[in-house]
Protein backbone atom coordinates (compact mmCIF):
# COMPACT_ATOMS: atom_id res chain seq x y z
CA MET A 1 63.12 105.34 -4.83
CA LEU A 2 62.70 106.91 -8.25
CA THR A 3 62.64 104.84 -11.42
CA SER A 4 64.74 105.90 -14.40
CA LYS A 5 61.59 107.14 -16.21
CA GLN A 6 60.55 109.26 -13.23
CA ARG A 7 64.08 110.60 -12.86
CA ALA A 8 64.16 111.53 -16.57
CA LYS A 9 60.83 113.38 -16.27
CA LEU A 10 62.06 115.30 -13.21
CA ARG A 11 65.33 116.20 -14.99
CA GLY A 12 63.29 117.61 -17.86
CA LEU A 13 61.15 119.67 -15.48
CA ALA A 14 64.23 120.93 -13.62
CA ASN A 15 66.17 121.95 -16.73
CA PRO A 16 64.58 125.41 -17.22
CA MET A 17 64.33 126.11 -13.48
CA GLU A 18 66.39 128.80 -11.79
CA THR A 19 68.77 127.91 -8.96
CA ILE A 20 67.06 128.96 -5.73
CA LEU A 21 69.61 128.07 -3.03
CA GLN A 22 73.39 127.98 -2.78
CA VAL A 23 75.79 126.12 -0.50
CA GLY A 24 78.91 128.14 0.25
CA LYS A 25 81.77 128.18 2.72
CA GLY A 26 79.38 127.61 5.64
CA GLY A 27 78.50 124.19 4.27
CA ILE A 28 75.37 122.45 5.51
CA ASN A 29 73.83 123.93 8.65
CA ASP A 30 70.42 123.92 10.36
CA ALA A 31 69.32 127.13 8.64
CA LEU A 32 70.09 125.71 5.19
CA ILE A 33 68.29 122.45 5.97
CA LYS A 34 65.21 124.43 7.07
CA GLN A 35 65.28 126.51 3.85
CA VAL A 36 65.59 123.36 1.74
CA ASN A 37 62.73 121.69 3.65
CA ASP A 38 60.49 124.73 3.15
CA ALA A 39 61.34 124.96 -0.56
CA LEU A 40 60.69 121.24 -1.10
CA THR A 41 57.34 121.48 0.66
CA ALA A 42 56.31 124.40 -1.51
CA ARG A 43 57.76 123.28 -4.87
CA GLU A 44 58.62 119.55 -4.61
CA LEU A 45 61.50 120.03 -7.07
CA ILE A 46 64.37 122.46 -6.44
CA LYS A 47 67.67 123.25 -8.09
CA MET A 48 70.65 124.17 -5.92
CA ARG A 49 74.22 125.26 -6.51
CA VAL A 50 77.45 124.46 -4.67
CA LEU A 51 80.00 127.29 -4.66
CA GLU A 52 83.75 126.74 -5.02
CA THR A 53 84.23 127.88 -1.41
CA SER A 54 82.19 124.96 -0.10
CA PRO A 55 84.09 122.62 2.25
CA GLU A 56 82.67 119.47 0.61
CA SER A 57 82.12 118.15 -2.89
CA LEU A 58 78.90 118.47 -4.86
CA ARG A 59 78.01 114.80 -4.44
CA GLU A 60 78.66 114.80 -0.68
CA ILE A 61 76.53 117.88 -0.14
CA SER A 62 73.68 116.67 -2.34
CA GLU A 63 73.55 113.29 -0.57
CA LYS A 64 73.73 114.82 2.92
CA LEU A 65 70.97 117.33 2.13
CA ALA A 66 68.80 114.62 0.60
CA GLU A 67 69.21 112.50 3.73
CA ALA A 68 68.56 115.45 6.07
CA THR A 69 65.38 116.47 4.21
CA ALA A 70 64.06 112.98 3.31
CA SER A 71 64.29 113.84 -0.38
CA GLU A 72 65.98 112.26 -3.38
CA VAL A 73 68.82 113.50 -5.55
CA VAL A 74 67.50 113.64 -9.11
CA GLN A 75 70.64 114.90 -10.83
CA THR A 76 74.10 116.29 -10.13
CA ILE A 77 75.81 118.15 -12.94
CA GLY A 78 78.64 120.66 -12.84
CA THR A 79 78.10 122.79 -9.75
CA ARG A 80 74.34 122.23 -9.58
CA PHE A 81 72.09 119.51 -8.25
CA VAL A 82 68.35 118.84 -8.16
CA LEU A 83 66.35 117.51 -5.20
CA TYR A 84 62.82 116.08 -5.23
CA ARG A 85 60.40 115.29 -2.43
CA ARG A 86 56.72 114.58 -3.03
CA ASN A 87 54.32 116.75 -1.06
CA SER A 88 51.91 114.22 0.45
CA LYS A 89 49.17 116.80 1.12
CA LYS A 90 49.17 118.76 -2.14
CA PRO A 91 51.23 117.03 -4.84
CA VAL A 92 52.25 119.39 -7.63
CA ILE A 93 54.16 117.00 -9.89
CA GLU A 94 52.47 113.82 -11.09
CA LEU A 95 54.82 110.90 -11.66
CA ASP A 96 53.64 107.75 -13.45
């Protein structure tokens, strides 16, 4: 569980990041979960986008993906959301 200070730091780091994955009309599937897992392992912090054609809302998708990938939702805003999962072997982001 992230504290408010940790969440604020992660939001600041995610702000300039580009969106790397999108959820569209296919919704959440095994291929998307694998891509998100791989991206979280490599980067720890990723920004994603939910398209208008998606069958579920932004919040539903972000929570389901976080649960499926053992990560945490840092922020949901507009059509984008940010996920964080610490890499236990090679941590990139240091949280206090």
